[in-house]
Structures are given as C-alpha cells and as structure tokens.
Amino acid sequence: MQAADAGRRATIWGLMILLAMACARIEAPPGGPPDREAPTIRESRPASGSVNLDTRPEFRFEFDEWVNRASLSGELYLSPRHEGGLELNWVGRTLKARPVLPLDSGRTYLLELGTGVRDLAGNRLASPHRIAFSTGASLDSFAFAGWIGGYRPNAKVMIWAWPLDSFPVRPLAPAPWQTRPDSSGGFRLLNLPETAFRLFAINDLNGDGRWSPATEPAALASADPAPGGYGNVRPSLYLSELELDSLALTAVQPEDRHHLLLEGRLDLPGRPGRAAQLSLLELADTLGRQIPLLTLREEEDGRYLLVCGEMDSLTYWLRFKDGSDSVSFRGLAYTQNPFQGFERPVRLDSKRRLHWLPPRGLKTQARTAAWVGQGSDSEAVVPQFLDALELVWGLPRARAGDTLFLSPGIFEGMAGDTWPASLARFALELPPDVEHGALQLLFVPAPPANTPWRIQLRMGETLLSDRELVSPLELAELPAGWLSAELYFDRNGDGEWTAGQLEPFRHAEARLPLTDSLQVYPGWTREGLELQLPEELSQWNTATP
C-alpha cells in the first residue's frame, strides 16, 4: 500500500515537473499569420521624470506580448554607468529591475531598454524605452539627437558619450552614458549634465559590451555636442569607412598614431599591378589636423577599411607614396546631416578618377562640385554634400598658378539675395614648396557686383585678408600651409565681420528652402569625374533636412 502511494506521489510530482517545464518554455503559438509587429512597452514605472526616488528604486516594464528573455542580455543599462549592475526578475510579461548597489544621492539617471529586445518571432523593439529619474529634487536637462549609419540591420550598435574633458585615448570600455539607435538610425541622449560631450560608437560584434579594435567597426561623431553650441546640430557617426579599391594590400604594420607601413600592389597609370611598398604619409582633416588612426581592418571579401579617431569635419584623405609617385585618395566620411547614410560613397579608379554614387533613396540634399587644376585639364574633382547649415570644403592640393573653380548650389532667401550663400566655407592646402604662391579663385556662377558679400582668408588663426567677394579673386604672396576661407554677408556694411553677423553656416535657424536640390554645372561632366545617378534619383525633391 505504501509502495503504491509512493508510486502515485512520484507520478504526480513528475507530471507537475513536466507541466512546470512546459509553462517555463515560452514559444510563439503555431499556425496563423506570421508575427511581424515589433513588441511595445504597455506600461513602465516609475514614470519618466520622477524625482526624489529612493537610491534602490524598483523599475517595471510591462510588454504587450511575450518576449525572448535571452534577448534582454546587455539591453537594459543605466546612465551614468553604475557599479553593481541591475538585479532582474520576470513576472509574466513584466520585467522588474532594481540596482544591486545604492545609487548616488542627488543625481540624475536614465534607465534605457535597448532595441535588441525581441519578441518570440524575432521582431526587435522599434526604439529604446527610457525612464529618466533623479534621486534628488531636480533632473538634468541637457539633451541632443543624432544619427548613425554604416551598419547592417540587427547589428548591435552602441553609442557612448563621455564628458569632453574625460574622453579616453583608446575608448575600449563603455562610457558613463550610452544609448542605442532606433530602427532608422536616429538616437537621442537625454537628461545630461550641462557640459560638452564626445560621442563614440561601435558595432559590438562579439556582444561583450566593449570595443575590440581589431575586429569591430567604430566611429567618432562629426561634432562634440555642447549646451548652446553649434556642435549641437544633430551630430552624426558612420561605422563603415572608406574602401581602398585600387590598393591590394598584403601586409600592414602601424608605425605610430598617424602612420602605417603598407605593402601591396597599386595600379598606377601606365604601370598596372606593380608591387610597391607604400607608406601612409598623412591622415588629416580639412583643417590640416592629423587624425589618430585607430585600426585598419580587413573584411572577408578582401577590402581594407580604416577606422579613424577625432574626425570632426566632412572629408579626409589618405596619401600614399612610393618613390616618385604620389596618389591621393579623398572621400566623404562624416556629415552633419542625418539624412545622408551611404555604404559606398566614393572610390578612386586606376586612372586616378573619383567616382561618386549617391545613396539610393536620398532625396533631401542639393549637390555642388569643386575641382582644381590647370585650366581645362582639371583631373581631381571632389563632390561635396551641401545643407542649409554648413558646408565645409575639402579640396585637393593646389599648386602655384592653379585656378580653383567653385560651383555652389543655389540657396534662396538668405537676406533677400539668391546668390549661392550656401557656399560658406572651404579650405585648401598650399604645398610646403610653394612659398609666396599665387592662386585664382573663380566662382561659378559669379557673385553679383556691389553686394555685401565678403570673404575672409585665414592661415591657421592668422587673418590674411577680409575683402569684397569678386570673381575671379586673385590671391598672391601666400605662405605655405592650410588656407581657409569663410564667406559672410556684411549686413551692417562696415566692411568687416562683426559678432552677430549673418553667417549661413553658423545659424541653425537659417533652414531656408533650396530652389533646386540638384544643381548640375559643366564641372560635373568635365573629364575626371564620372557622375552616376540611378534612374530613381533623376528627380530630387526640394525638402530641407
């Protein structure tokens, strides 16, 4: 009898264990149409914006459907980062979280649930869910938004933010503040202290929450956001760097932060496929500042991608040299505009011609071109992006006697003048061997005569001249180095720039309509540039970003 009772009890316990196991394994229901809807947060507590919370508050996220609990790994994070992490607990579809160690008193925090969380069908959370709160009486209020591109769907992209004065030399570990992009690449950092920040992003391929320079793409933002600063205009990042199509590398050896020793084959005009040992002489931005080279990464298909640091302008170039031959490659790497995402922006072919293919679906930007050379024999052509806020020109090396052609897109409405006010800033390099050189700047179309448009020319911080803008503009007795120019509208007519002067590249409120989003000038069809436009991009709308 006792044996029978024991057998029945064992059977009952076995059934209960099986039932518990079946209940614990949450799976998508079979049959029916496929689930393509992203999971959402039905309710979260405490409410975002809460103040005077306990130093170990409990947080709750109630989902509208069952989620894959394993996908939560690394997706719930507290900013600023707090030692001890979070203690997690599930009750049905509700996630509970509590700090393991007490938080600091009187401090603002942001708890964020990232977009890597998936439902049982594999659909990701469409955008991060955030709870801003404070253990004190008030919340920090500095915030900014940005955009990131250059990664495939479902990538585990992390965007880190450091106070500018504490940015590390090699950002391997997570920053105090972090976030994830939404499904369109947009991101926001909220409730920050009032200070300047530097942004760094990685594609966390191995999922360890750290940056592995040898294997993981990374990027710095196009600007350092700061309270009230111009850099706060939607900083952007791009994770896939330039392709070195014409260079087949066989060995790479770093020399220092700015130099590499490269061995491989380079197709030079007249001598295709010649083996060469190439030394990377320079990696610089358009203002002539050297950029730390963080890593050069080989892709599975044989491409080599550069990951660079401290990039804060729109263009950079790589200059390789082997004996008497010098080959320059310049490409568009970062941009202030969040609508410009692309994977293959430019390439240099074996004839040293630059090819540019606009990204598919891009409909918001005007186009403009510049080239430098001897008369009609111009070879190096650099297309640039243009928006209503800022245009930074990066131009090839100029030589004494060169004519610099500028073809800006038309920008209508600035101070009632339709001349291309969008051409706001450009820079070019005068080689060290050209001391007291001469250049001619030719603007196409020419600026109207007797208008308040003026141009400032600088060499570093030194002001060389501040003069009326005419075309052609003759420049003589120029020292070697980086020459930068800024155009401005002399509103008060005193013949010089003054604080508060209307400068289209500094006024975020000057988002005025573009008369035509695609301006094609003769420069686009000159030998040396092959402009490829997909059929679907033959018509561009005129919407501003």
Protein backbone atom coordinates (compact mmCIF):
# COMPACT_ATOMS: atom_id res chain seq x y z
CA MET A 1 0.00 0.00 0.00
CA GLN A 2 2.75 2.37 0.96
CA ALA A 3 4.63 1.41 -2.18
CA ALA A 4 1.56 2.20 -4.30
CA ASP A 5 1.12 5.58 -2.59
CA ALA A 6 4.77 6.34 -3.13
CA GLY A 7 4.40 5.45 -6.81
CA ARG A 8 1.37 7.70 -7.19
CA ARG A 9 3.20 10.56 -5.47
CA ALA A 10 6.19 10.10 -7.77
CA THR A 11 3.90 10.13 -10.79
CA ILE A 12 2.17 13.30 -9.59
CA TRP A 13 5.50 15.02 -8.93
CA GLY A 14 6.73 14.00 -12.37
CA LEU A 15 3.61 15.41 -14.02
CA MET A 16 3.99 18.65 -12.06
CA ILE A 17 7.64 18.97 -13.13
CA LEU A 18 6.73 18.36 -16.77
CA LEU A 19 3.91 20.90 -16.52
CA ALA A 20 6.26 23.46 -14.97
CA MET A 21 8.84 22.87 -17.69
CA ALA A 22 6.20 23.28 -20.37
CA CYS A 23 4.99 26.51 -18.80
CA ALA A 24 8.54 27.87 -18.46
CA ARG A 25 9.32 27.34 -22.14
CA ILE A 26 7.53 30.25 -23.78
CA GLU A 27 7.21 29.82 -27.53
CA ALA A 28 5.38 31.54 -30.36
CA PRO A 29 1.96 29.94 -30.97
CA PRO A 30 1.90 27.63 -34.00
CA GLY A 31 -0.21 28.37 -37.06
CA GLY A 32 -1.79 31.66 -38.10
CA PRO A 33 -0.18 34.57 -40.00
CA PRO A 34 3.48 35.37 -39.22
CA ASP A 35 4.07 37.94 -36.47
CA ARG A 36 5.81 41.00 -37.96
CA GLU A 37 4.80 43.53 -35.30
CA ALA A 38 7.50 44.92 -33.02
CA PRO A 39 6.96 44.46 -29.29
CA THR A 40 5.97 47.54 -27.32
CA ILE A 41 6.06 48.64 -23.70
CA ARG A 42 2.48 48.82 -22.45
CA GLU A 43 3.43 50.50 -19.18
CA SER A 44 6.59 51.39 -17.28
CA ARG A 45 7.04 52.53 -13.70
CA PRO A 46 8.03 54.83 -12.14
CA ALA A 47 7.01 57.49 -14.63
CA SER A 48 9.82 59.13 -16.56
CA GLY A 49 10.67 62.46 -14.94
CA SER A 50 10.22 61.24 -11.37
CA VAL A 51 12.35 62.93 -8.70
CA ASN A 52 13.29 62.23 -5.08
CA LEU A 53 13.40 58.48 -5.68
CA ASP A 54 14.99 56.05 -3.27
CA THR A 55 18.60 55.07 -4.01
CA ARG A 56 17.43 51.49 -4.77
CA PRO A 57 14.18 52.05 -6.68
CA GLU A 58 12.28 49.25 -8.40
CA PHE A 59 11.51 49.62 -12.11
CA ARG A 60 8.84 47.77 -14.08
CA PHE A 61 8.41 47.29 -17.83
CA GLU A 62 5.18 45.60 -18.93
CA PHE A 63 5.32 44.27 -22.51
CA ASP A 64 2.29 43.85 -24.76
CA GLU A 65 3.41 40.33 -25.71
CA TRP A 66 5.79 37.60 -24.64
CA VAL A 67 9.43 38.45 -25.36
CA ASN A 68 12.54 36.35 -25.72
CA ARG A 69 14.06 36.80 -22.29
CA ALA A 70 17.52 35.80 -23.51
CA SER A 71 17.49 38.81 -25.85
CA LEU A 72 17.46 41.11 -22.82
CA SER A 73 21.16 40.40 -22.20
CA GLY A 74 23.04 43.69 -22.35
CA GLU A 75 19.92 45.62 -23.38
CA LEU A 76 19.00 47.24 -20.04
CA TYR A 77 21.53 49.84 -18.96
CA LEU A 78 21.74 52.71 -16.54
CA SER A 79 23.37 56.04 -17.42
CA PRO A 80 25.60 57.26 -15.95
CA ARG A 81 27.07 53.79 -15.54
CA HIS A 82 26.73 52.40 -12.02
CA GLU A 83 28.84 49.71 -10.38
CA GLY A 84 27.00 46.58 -9.36
CA GLY A 85 24.57 46.46 -12.25
CA LEU A 86 20.88 45.63 -12.08
CA GLU A 87 19.01 42.77 -10.45
CA LEU A 88 16.36 41.42 -12.87
CA ASN A 89 13.19 39.44 -12.25
CA TRP A 90 10.31 38.39 -14.52
CA VAL A 91 6.66 38.17 -13.52
CA GLY A 92 4.72 37.05 -16.59
CA ARG A 93 5.24 39.71 -19.26
CA THR A 94 6.54 42.26 -16.74
CA LEU A 95 10.25 42.83 -16.22
CA LYS A 96 11.33 44.09 -12.81
CA ALA A 97 14.74 45.69 -12.24
CA ARG A 98 16.47 47.11 -9.18
CA PRO A 99 20.05 48.41 -8.69
CA VAL A 100 22.20 45.90 -6.83
CA LEU A 101 24.07 48.70 -5.06
CA PRO A 102 22.54 52.02 -3.91
CA LEU A 103 22.66 54.86 -6.42
CA ASP A 104 24.28 58.20 -5.66
CA SER A 105 22.06 60.68 -3.87
CA GLY A 106 21.02 63.88 -5.65
CA ARG A 107 21.89 62.63 -9.15
CA THR A 108 20.02 62.30 -12.44
CA TYR A 109 19.90 58.85 -14.08
CA LEU A 110 18.44 57.41 -17.26
CA LEU A 111 17.37 53.76 -17.41
CA GLU A 112 17.15 52.60 -21.01
CA LEU A 113 15.82 49.41 -22.57
CA GLY A 114 17.61 48.92 -25.89
CA THR A 115 16.34 47.87 -29.29
CA GLY A 116 17.96 44.45 -29.10
CA VAL A 117 14.99 43.12 -27.11
CA ARG A 118 12.97 40.76 -29.35
CA ASP A 119 9.61 39.06 -29.21
CA LEU A 120 9.21 35.31 -29.78
CA ALA A 121 9.03 35.86 -33.55
CA GLY A 122 12.34 37.75 -33.57
CA ASN A 123 10.91 41.27 -34.01
CA ARG A 124 13.01 43.93 -32.31
CA LEU A 125 11.84 46.79 -30.14
CA ALA A 126 11.43 49.68 -32.61
CA SER A 127 13.05 52.34 -30.41
CA PRO A 128 14.69 52.47 -26.99
CA HIS A 129 12.39 52.91 -24.00
CA ARG A 130 13.68 55.32 -21.37
CA ILE A 131 12.90 56.26 -17.79
CA ALA A 132 14.57 59.47 -16.63
CA PHE A 133 14.62 59.93 -12.87
CA SER A 134 16.54 61.61 -10.09
CA THR A 135 17.50 60.68 -6.55
CA GLY A 136 17.41 64.41 -5.86
CA ALA A 137 14.90 67.21 -6.24
CA SER A 138 15.50 68.00 -9.95
CA LEU A 139 16.53 66.49 -13.29
CA ASP A 140 19.44 67.48 -15.54
CA SER A 141 18.04 68.88 -18.77
CA PHE A 142 20.74 68.95 -21.48
CA ALA A 143 19.79 66.74 -24.45
CA PHE A 144 20.63 66.24 -28.11
CA ALA A 145 19.71 63.99 -31.02
CA GLY A 146 21.83 62.50 -33.78
CA TRP A 147 22.08 59.88 -36.49
CA ILE A 148 24.31 56.88 -37.16
CA GLY A 149 24.71 54.77 -40.29
CA GLY A 150 27.05 52.28 -41.90
CA TYR A 151 25.77 49.10 -40.32
CA ARG A 152 23.50 46.23 -41.31
CA PRO A 153 20.08 45.59 -39.79
CA ASN A 154 20.13 43.74 -36.47
CA ALA A 155 23.65 44.95 -35.67
CA LYS A 156 24.34 45.57 -32.00
CA VAL A 157 25.34 49.23 -32.24
CA MET A 158 26.36 51.04 -29.07
CA ILE A 159 26.68 54.83 -28.86
CA TRP A 160 28.82 56.00 -25.97
CA ALA A 161 29.13 59.52 -24.59
CA TRP A 162 31.89 60.93 -22.38
CA PRO A 163 32.25 64.43 -20.98
CA LEU A 164 34.71 66.02 -23.38
CA ASP A 165 37.41 66.51 -20.75
CA SER A 166 37.40 62.81 -19.81
CA PHE A 167 37.38 61.14 -23.24
CA PRO A 168 39.93 58.29 -23.12
CA VAL A 169 42.82 57.90 -25.55
CA ARG A 170 41.53 54.44 -26.51
CA PRO A 171 37.83 54.10 -25.74
CA LEU A 172 37.73 50.36 -25.09
CA ALA A 173 35.32 50.25 -22.14
CA PRO A 174 31.76 51.61 -22.10
CA ALA A 175 31.26 55.30 -21.41
CA PRO A 176 29.31 56.71 -18.46
CA TRP A 177 26.37 57.41 -20.82
CA GLN A 178 25.22 55.14 -23.60
CA THR A 179 22.29 54.58 -25.93
CA ARG A 180 21.17 52.61 -28.97
CA PRO A 181 19.81 53.87 -32.30
CA ASP A 182 16.23 53.32 -33.35
CA SER A 183 15.25 51.42 -36.49
CA SER A 184 16.01 54.45 -38.72
CA GLY A 185 19.44 55.17 -37.23
CA GLY A 186 18.32 58.10 -35.09
CA PHE A 187 19.37 58.36 -31.47
CA ARG A 188 18.83 60.66 -28.50
CA LEU A 189 20.74 61.30 -25.31
CA LEU A 190 18.58 62.94 -22.65
CA ASN A 191 18.84 64.43 -19.18
CA LEU A 192 22.57 65.08 -19.33
CA PRO A 193 24.61 67.47 -17.19
CA GLU A 194 25.40 70.85 -18.75
CA THR A 195 28.77 70.11 -20.34
CA ALA A 196 30.28 69.26 -23.73
CA PHE A 197 30.29 65.60 -24.76
CA ARG A 198 32.25 63.45 -27.19
CA LEU A 199 30.44 60.56 -28.88
CA PHE A 200 31.93 57.25 -29.94
CA ALA A 201 30.07 54.31 -31.50
CA ILE A 202 30.89 50.65 -32.03
CA ASN A 203 29.28 47.67 -33.69
CA ASP A 204 29.55 45.19 -30.82
CA LEU A 205 30.01 42.09 -32.96
CA ASN A 206 31.05 39.77 -30.14
CA GLY A 207 28.42 41.11 -27.73
CA ASP A 208 30.82 41.69 -24.83
CA GLY A 209 29.86 45.34 -24.35
CA ARG A 210 33.42 46.53 -25.07
CA TRP A 211 35.26 47.73 -28.16
CA SER A 212 37.62 45.27 -29.86
CA PRO A 213 39.65 47.49 -32.25
CA ALA A 214 40.96 44.61 -34.36
CA THR A 215 37.54 43.28 -35.32
CA GLU A 216 34.79 45.80 -34.56
CA PRO A 217 33.95 48.92 -36.61
CA ALA A 218 33.95 52.18 -34.69
CA ALA A 219 33.44 55.88 -35.35
CA LEU A 220 33.57 59.25 -33.66
CA ALA A 221 30.83 61.83 -34.10
CA SER A 222 31.05 64.69 -36.57
CA ALA A 223 30.77 67.21 -33.72
CA ASP A 224 31.04 67.45 -29.94
CA PRO A 225 27.58 68.44 -28.66
CA ALA A 226 27.64 71.19 -26.06
CA PRO A 227 24.93 73.26 -24.37
CA GLY A 228 24.12 76.20 -26.63
CA GLY A 229 26.90 75.28 -29.06
CA TYR A 230 26.78 74.94 -32.83
CA GLY A 231 28.05 71.38 -32.48
CA ASN A 232 24.66 70.52 -31.01
CA VAL A 233 23.13 70.39 -34.51
CA ARG A 234 22.47 66.64 -34.85
CA PRO A 235 25.94 65.05 -34.63
CA SER A 236 26.35 62.02 -36.84
CA LEU A 237 28.52 58.92 -37.00
CA TYR A 238 29.34 56.44 -39.72
CA LEU A 239 30.65 52.97 -38.95
CA SER A 240 31.81 51.69 -42.37
CA GLU A 241 34.86 53.57 -43.51
CA LEU A 242 36.29 54.11 -46.97
CA GLU A 243 37.15 51.30 -49.35
CA LEU A 244 40.64 51.19 -50.80
CA ASP A 245 39.57 49.74 -54.14
CA SER A 246 42.75 50.40 -56.10
CA LEU A 247 45.13 49.15 -53.40
CA ALA A 248 45.63 45.41 -52.84
CA LEU A 249 47.40 45.13 -49.51
CA THR A 250 49.46 42.13 -48.41
CA ALA A 251 50.83 43.45 -45.11
CA VAL A 252 50.01 46.27 -42.71
CA GLN A 253 52.31 47.49 -39.96
CA PRO A 254 51.47 50.50 -37.75
CA GLU A 255 54.29 52.97 -37.26
CA ASP A 256 52.61 55.37 -34.86
CA ARG A 257 49.22 57.01 -34.29
CA HIS A 258 49.37 58.76 -37.65
CA HIS A 259 51.35 56.42 -39.91
CA LEU A 260 51.15 52.95 -41.36
CA LEU A 261 53.57 50.91 -43.41
CA LEU A 262 51.58 49.19 -46.15
CA GLU A 263 52.81 46.52 -48.55
CA GLY A 264 50.82 45.53 -51.59
CA ARG A 265 50.02 46.22 -55.21
CA LEU A 266 48.86 49.56 -56.53
CA ASP A 267 47.58 50.18 -60.06
CA LEU A 268 49.28 53.36 -61.21
CA PRO A 269 48.67 54.88 -64.66
CA GLY A 270 50.91 53.15 -67.20
CA ARG A 271 52.20 50.60 -64.69
CA PRO A 272 49.25 48.43 -63.63
CA GLY A 273 49.75 45.79 -60.99
CA ARG A 274 53.20 46.97 -59.92
CA ALA A 275 54.25 45.72 -56.49
CA ALA A 276 55.07 48.53 -54.12
CA GLN A 277 55.84 49.26 -50.52
CA LEU A 278 53.64 52.17 -49.54
CA SER A 279 53.94 54.42 -46.53
CA LEU A 280 50.90 56.31 -45.33
CA LEU A 281 52.27 59.82 -45.07
CA GLU A 282 49.26 61.69 -43.84
CA LEU A 283 45.82 61.20 -42.39
CA ALA A 284 44.34 64.64 -41.87
CA ASP A 285 41.05 66.50 -41.87
CA THR A 286 40.17 69.54 -43.96
CA LEU A 287 41.71 71.90 -41.42
CA GLY A 288 45.06 70.18 -41.67
CA ARG A 289 44.89 68.46 -38.30
CA GLN A 290 46.28 64.95 -38.11
CA ILE A 291 43.81 62.27 -37.11
CA PRO A 292 44.76 59.29 -34.94
CA LEU A 293 44.46 56.07 -36.88
CA LEU A 294 42.78 53.56 -34.60
CA THR A 295 42.85 50.48 -36.79
CA LEU A 296 42.90 49.25 -40.35
CA ARG A 297 40.56 46.28 -40.65
CA GLU A 298 40.42 43.60 -43.36
CA GLU A 299 36.97 42.48 -44.47
CA GLU A 300 36.07 38.93 -45.53
CA ASP A 301 35.87 39.99 -49.18
CA GLY A 302 39.43 41.35 -49.13
CA ARG A 303 38.63 45.03 -48.65
CA TYR A 304 40.54 47.08 -46.11
CA LEU A 305 38.56 49.54 -44.05
CA LEU A 306 40.05 52.33 -41.98
CA VAL A 307 38.70 53.21 -38.56
CA CYS A 308 39.89 56.66 -37.54
CA GLY A 309 39.60 58.86 -34.49
CA GLU A 310 38.95 62.54 -33.76
CA MET A 311 37.14 63.18 -37.04
CA ASP A 312 35.23 66.44 -36.87
CA SER A 313 34.99 67.57 -40.49
CA LEU A 314 33.30 66.25 -43.59
CA THR A 315 36.27 64.89 -45.54
CA TYR A 316 39.63 63.30 -45.12
CA TRP A 317 42.19 61.86 -47.47
CA LEU A 318 44.86 59.22 -47.49
CA ARG A 319 48.11 59.98 -49.27
CA PHE A 320 50.31 57.05 -50.25
CA LYS A 321 53.77 57.46 -51.70
CA ASP A 322 56.20 55.05 -53.30
CA GLY A 323 59.28 56.80 -54.59
CA SER A 324 58.38 59.49 -57.09
CA ASP A 325 54.71 58.61 -57.40
CA SER A 326 52.11 60.10 -55.11
CA VAL A 327 48.49 59.00 -55.10
CA SER A 328 45.86 60.89 -53.15
CA PHE A 329 42.51 59.48 -52.17
CA ARG A 330 39.85 61.69 -50.72
CA GLY A 331 36.38 60.68 -49.65
CA LEU A 332 33.32 61.73 -47.73
CA ALA A 333 33.37 60.06 -44.36
CA TYR A 334 31.21 62.02 -41.96
CA THR A 335 28.48 64.60 -42.35
CA GLN A 336 26.41 66.84 -40.12
CA ASN A 337 23.25 65.85 -41.98
CA PRO A 338 21.33 62.90 -40.51
CA PHE A 339 19.69 62.03 -43.82
CA GLN A 340 22.90 61.09 -45.60
CA GLY A 341 23.52 57.40 -45.00
CA PHE A 342 25.52 55.51 -47.57
CA GLU A 343 27.72 52.44 -47.83
CA ARG A 344 29.90 53.13 -50.87
CA PRO A 345 30.26 56.90 -51.15
CA VAL A 346 33.36 57.27 -53.35
CA ARG A 347 36.11 55.31 -54.99
CA LEU A 348 39.29 56.07 -56.92
CA ASP A 349 39.86 54.06 -60.08
CA SER A 350 43.14 53.09 -61.73
CA LYS A 351 43.11 56.32 -63.74
CA ARG A 352 43.02 58.35 -60.53
CA ARG A 353 39.48 59.50 -61.23
CA LEU A 354 36.98 59.89 -58.46
CA HIS A 355 33.64 58.10 -58.77
CA TRP A 356 30.67 59.01 -56.64
CA LEU A 357 27.37 57.16 -56.40
CA PRO A 358 24.63 58.88 -54.36
CA PRO A 359 22.85 56.57 -51.94
CA ARG A 360 19.55 55.11 -53.02
CA GLY A 361 16.53 56.87 -51.62
CA LEU A 362 18.36 60.07 -50.70
CA LYS A 363 16.02 62.94 -51.59
CA THR A 364 16.83 65.84 -49.33
CA GLN A 365 20.10 67.40 -50.43
CA ALA A 366 21.45 69.75 -53.02
CA ARG A 367 24.68 68.91 -54.78
CA THR A 368 27.70 71.02 -55.56
CA ALA A 369 31.13 70.38 -57.04
CA ALA A 370 34.63 71.77 -56.93
CA TRP A 371 37.77 70.96 -58.82
CA VAL A 372 41.28 72.31 -59.01
CA GLY A 373 43.73 72.12 -61.88
CA GLN A 374 45.43 73.86 -64.76
CA GLY A 375 42.69 75.35 -66.95
CA SER A 376 40.61 72.69 -68.69
CA ASP A 377 42.96 69.86 -67.70
CA SER A 378 41.48 69.54 -64.24
CA GLU A 379 41.64 65.94 -63.02
CA ALA A 380 40.81 65.84 -59.34
CA VAL A 381 37.15 66.52 -58.73
CA VAL A 382 35.66 66.43 -55.25
CA PRO A 383 31.85 66.43 -54.95
CA GLN A 384 30.63 67.69 -51.61
CA PHE A 385 27.40 67.50 -49.67
CA LEU A 386 25.50 70.70 -49.09
CA ASP A 387 22.94 71.57 -46.47
CA ALA A 388 21.37 74.75 -45.21
CA LEU A 389 23.54 74.95 -42.12
CA GLU A 390 27.15 74.36 -43.04
CA LEU A 391 29.34 73.41 -45.94
CA VAL A 392 32.98 72.52 -45.36
CA TRP A 393 35.06 72.17 -48.48
CA GLY A 394 37.94 69.74 -48.63
CA LEU A 395 39.97 70.32 -51.77
CA PRO A 396 42.99 68.65 -53.39
CA ARG A 397 46.43 70.15 -53.03
CA ALA A 398 46.69 73.36 -55.00
CA ARG A 399 49.75 74.45 -56.95
CA ALA A 400 51.11 77.87 -57.75
CA GLY A 401 49.25 79.19 -60.76
CA ASP A 402 46.25 76.90 -60.28
CA THR A 403 42.73 78.14 -60.78
CA LEU A 404 40.26 76.94 -58.19
CA PHE A 405 36.75 76.51 -59.62
CA LEU A 406 33.80 76.58 -57.23
CA SER A 407 30.28 75.67 -58.35
CA PRO A 408 27.89 76.14 -55.46
CA GLY A 409 24.26 75.13 -55.41
CA ILE A 410 21.72 77.92 -55.31
CA PHE A 411 20.43 78.86 -51.86
CA GLU A 412 17.40 81.15 -52.00
CA GLY A 413 16.15 83.60 -49.42
CA MET A 414 19.26 84.49 -47.42
CA ALA A 415 18.95 88.20 -46.78
CA GLY A 416 16.83 88.53 -49.90
CA ASP A 417 19.72 87.53 -52.12
CA THR A 418 19.65 84.47 -54.38
CA TRP A 419 23.40 84.25 -54.91
CA PRO A 420 24.80 80.96 -53.52
CA ALA A 421 25.00 81.81 -49.86
CA SER A 422 25.31 78.11 -49.16
CA LEU A 423 28.96 78.20 -50.19
CA ALA A 424 30.06 79.20 -46.74
CA ARG A 425 33.44 77.72 -46.00
CA PHE A 426 36.23 75.95 -47.85
CA ALA A 427 39.85 75.05 -47.29
CA LEU A 428 42.78 74.09 -49.48
CA GLU A 429 46.39 73.17 -48.91
CA LEU A 430 49.36 75.04 -50.33
CA PRO A 431 52.33 72.66 -50.51
CA PRO A 432 55.40 73.48 -48.39
CA ASP A 433 57.46 74.07 -51.54
CA VAL A 434 55.12 76.84 -52.69
CA GLU A 435 56.22 79.78 -50.60
CA HIS A 436 54.59 83.10 -51.57
CA GLY A 437 52.46 81.36 -54.16
CA ALA A 438 49.55 82.72 -56.18
CA LEU A 439 46.07 81.35 -56.65
CA GLN A 440 43.00 82.43 -58.54
CA LEU A 441 39.54 81.67 -57.14
CA LEU A 442 36.84 81.53 -59.80
CA PHE A 443 33.24 81.33 -58.55
CA VAL A 444 30.67 79.78 -60.87
CA PRO A 445 28.23 81.47 -61.13
CA ALA A 446 29.94 84.74 -60.31
CA PRO A 447 28.65 86.73 -57.33
CA PRO A 448 26.70 89.89 -58.23
CA ALA A 449 28.71 93.10 -58.24
CA ASN A 450 28.44 95.63 -55.40
CA THR A 451 26.80 93.27 -52.92
CA PRO A 452 27.57 92.94 -49.21
CA TRP A 453 29.17 89.52 -49.71
CA ARG A 454 32.71 89.38 -48.34
CA ILE A 455 35.36 86.71 -47.86
CA GLN A 456 37.82 86.18 -45.01
CA LEU A 457 41.05 84.32 -45.72
CA ARG A 458 43.00 82.75 -42.87
CA MET A 459 46.15 80.73 -42.43
CA GLY A 460 45.52 78.92 -39.17
CA GLU A 461 44.46 81.59 -36.70
CA THR A 462 46.11 84.39 -38.70
CA LEU A 463 43.77 86.62 -40.71
CA LEU A 464 45.35 87.27 -44.11
CA SER A 465 42.63 89.45 -45.56
CA ASP A 466 38.97 90.45 -45.31
CA ARG A 467 37.77 91.70 -48.67
CA GLU A 468 34.83 92.10 -51.01
CA LEU A 469 33.90 88.90 -52.80
CA VAL A 470 34.58 89.14 -56.53
CA SER A 471 35.21 86.58 -59.25
CA PRO A 472 37.91 85.89 -60.21
CA LEU A 473 39.60 86.57 -56.90
CA GLU A 474 43.37 86.93 -57.26
CA LEU A 475 45.48 85.80 -54.31
CA ALA A 476 49.21 86.46 -54.21
CA GLU A 477 52.09 86.23 -51.72
CA LEU A 478 50.50 83.27 -50.00
CA PRO A 479 52.54 81.36 -47.41
CA ALA A 480 52.63 77.57 -47.44
CA GLY A 481 50.12 75.76 -45.28
CA TRP A 482 46.36 75.41 -44.97
CA LEU A 483 44.40 78.31 -46.36
CA SER A 484 40.82 78.55 -45.14
CA ALA A 485 38.12 80.91 -46.32
CA GLU A 486 34.75 81.94 -44.93
CA LEU A 487 32.04 83.83 -46.76
CA TYR A 488 29.69 86.13 -44.92
CA PHE A 489 27.01 88.70 -45.61
CA ASP A 490 28.10 92.13 -44.39
CA ARG A 491 24.71 93.18 -43.05
CA ASN A 492 25.77 96.46 -41.42
CA GLY A 493 28.06 97.49 -44.30
CA ASP A 494 31.10 98.30 -42.20
CA GLY A 495 33.43 96.20 -44.35
CA GLU A 496 34.34 93.61 -41.74
CA TRP A 497 32.80 90.71 -39.89
CA THR A 498 31.29 91.53 -36.51
CA ALA A 499 29.65 89.40 -33.84
CA GLY A 500 26.06 88.68 -34.78
CA GLN A 501 26.77 88.98 -38.50
CA LEU A 502 24.54 86.83 -40.63
CA GLU A 503 26.62 83.74 -41.43
CA PRO A 504 24.65 80.94 -43.07
CA PHE A 505 26.98 78.23 -41.78
CA ARG A 506 26.56 79.23 -38.13
CA HIS A 507 22.87 79.98 -37.87
CA ALA A 508 20.84 76.88 -37.15
CA GLU A 509 17.62 78.82 -37.70
CA ALA A 510 18.58 79.58 -41.30
CA ARG A 511 16.96 76.44 -42.72
CA LEU A 512 15.63 78.06 -45.86
CA PRO A 513 14.17 76.36 -48.95
CA LEU A 514 16.52 75.16 -51.67
CA THR A 515 15.36 76.24 -55.12
CA ASP A 516 16.67 73.06 -56.69
CA SER A 517 18.03 70.05 -54.90
CA LEU A 518 20.28 69.03 -57.79
CA GLN A 519 22.40 71.70 -59.48
CA VAL A 520 24.35 70.35 -62.47
CA TYR A 521 27.09 72.59 -63.80
CA PRO A 522 29.63 71.99 -66.58
CA GLY A 523 32.01 70.90 -63.87
CA TRP A 524 30.00 67.77 -63.31
CA THR A 525 30.77 66.49 -66.79
CA ARG A 526 34.42 67.52 -67.08
CA GLU A 527 36.89 64.72 -67.72
CA GLY A 528 38.00 63.40 -64.39
CA LEU A 529 34.58 62.95 -62.83
CA GLU A 530 32.12 60.20 -63.57
CA LEU A 531 28.79 61.08 -62.02
CA GLN A 532 26.49 58.08 -61.71
CA LEU A 533 22.85 58.77 -60.92
CA PRO A 534 20.38 55.89 -60.56
CA GLU A 535 17.17 56.35 -62.53
CA GLU A 536 15.10 56.64 -59.40
CA LEU A 537 17.21 59.63 -58.34
CA SER A 538 16.80 61.60 -61.54
CA GLN A 539 14.25 63.78 -59.79
CA TRP A 540 15.13 65.25 -56.42
CA ASN A 541 12.64 66.93 -54.19
CA THR A 542 13.35 70.27 -52.58
CA ALA A 543 12.66 69.38 -48.96
CA THR A 544 15.13 70.75 -46.48
CA PRO A 545 16.55 68.43 -43.81
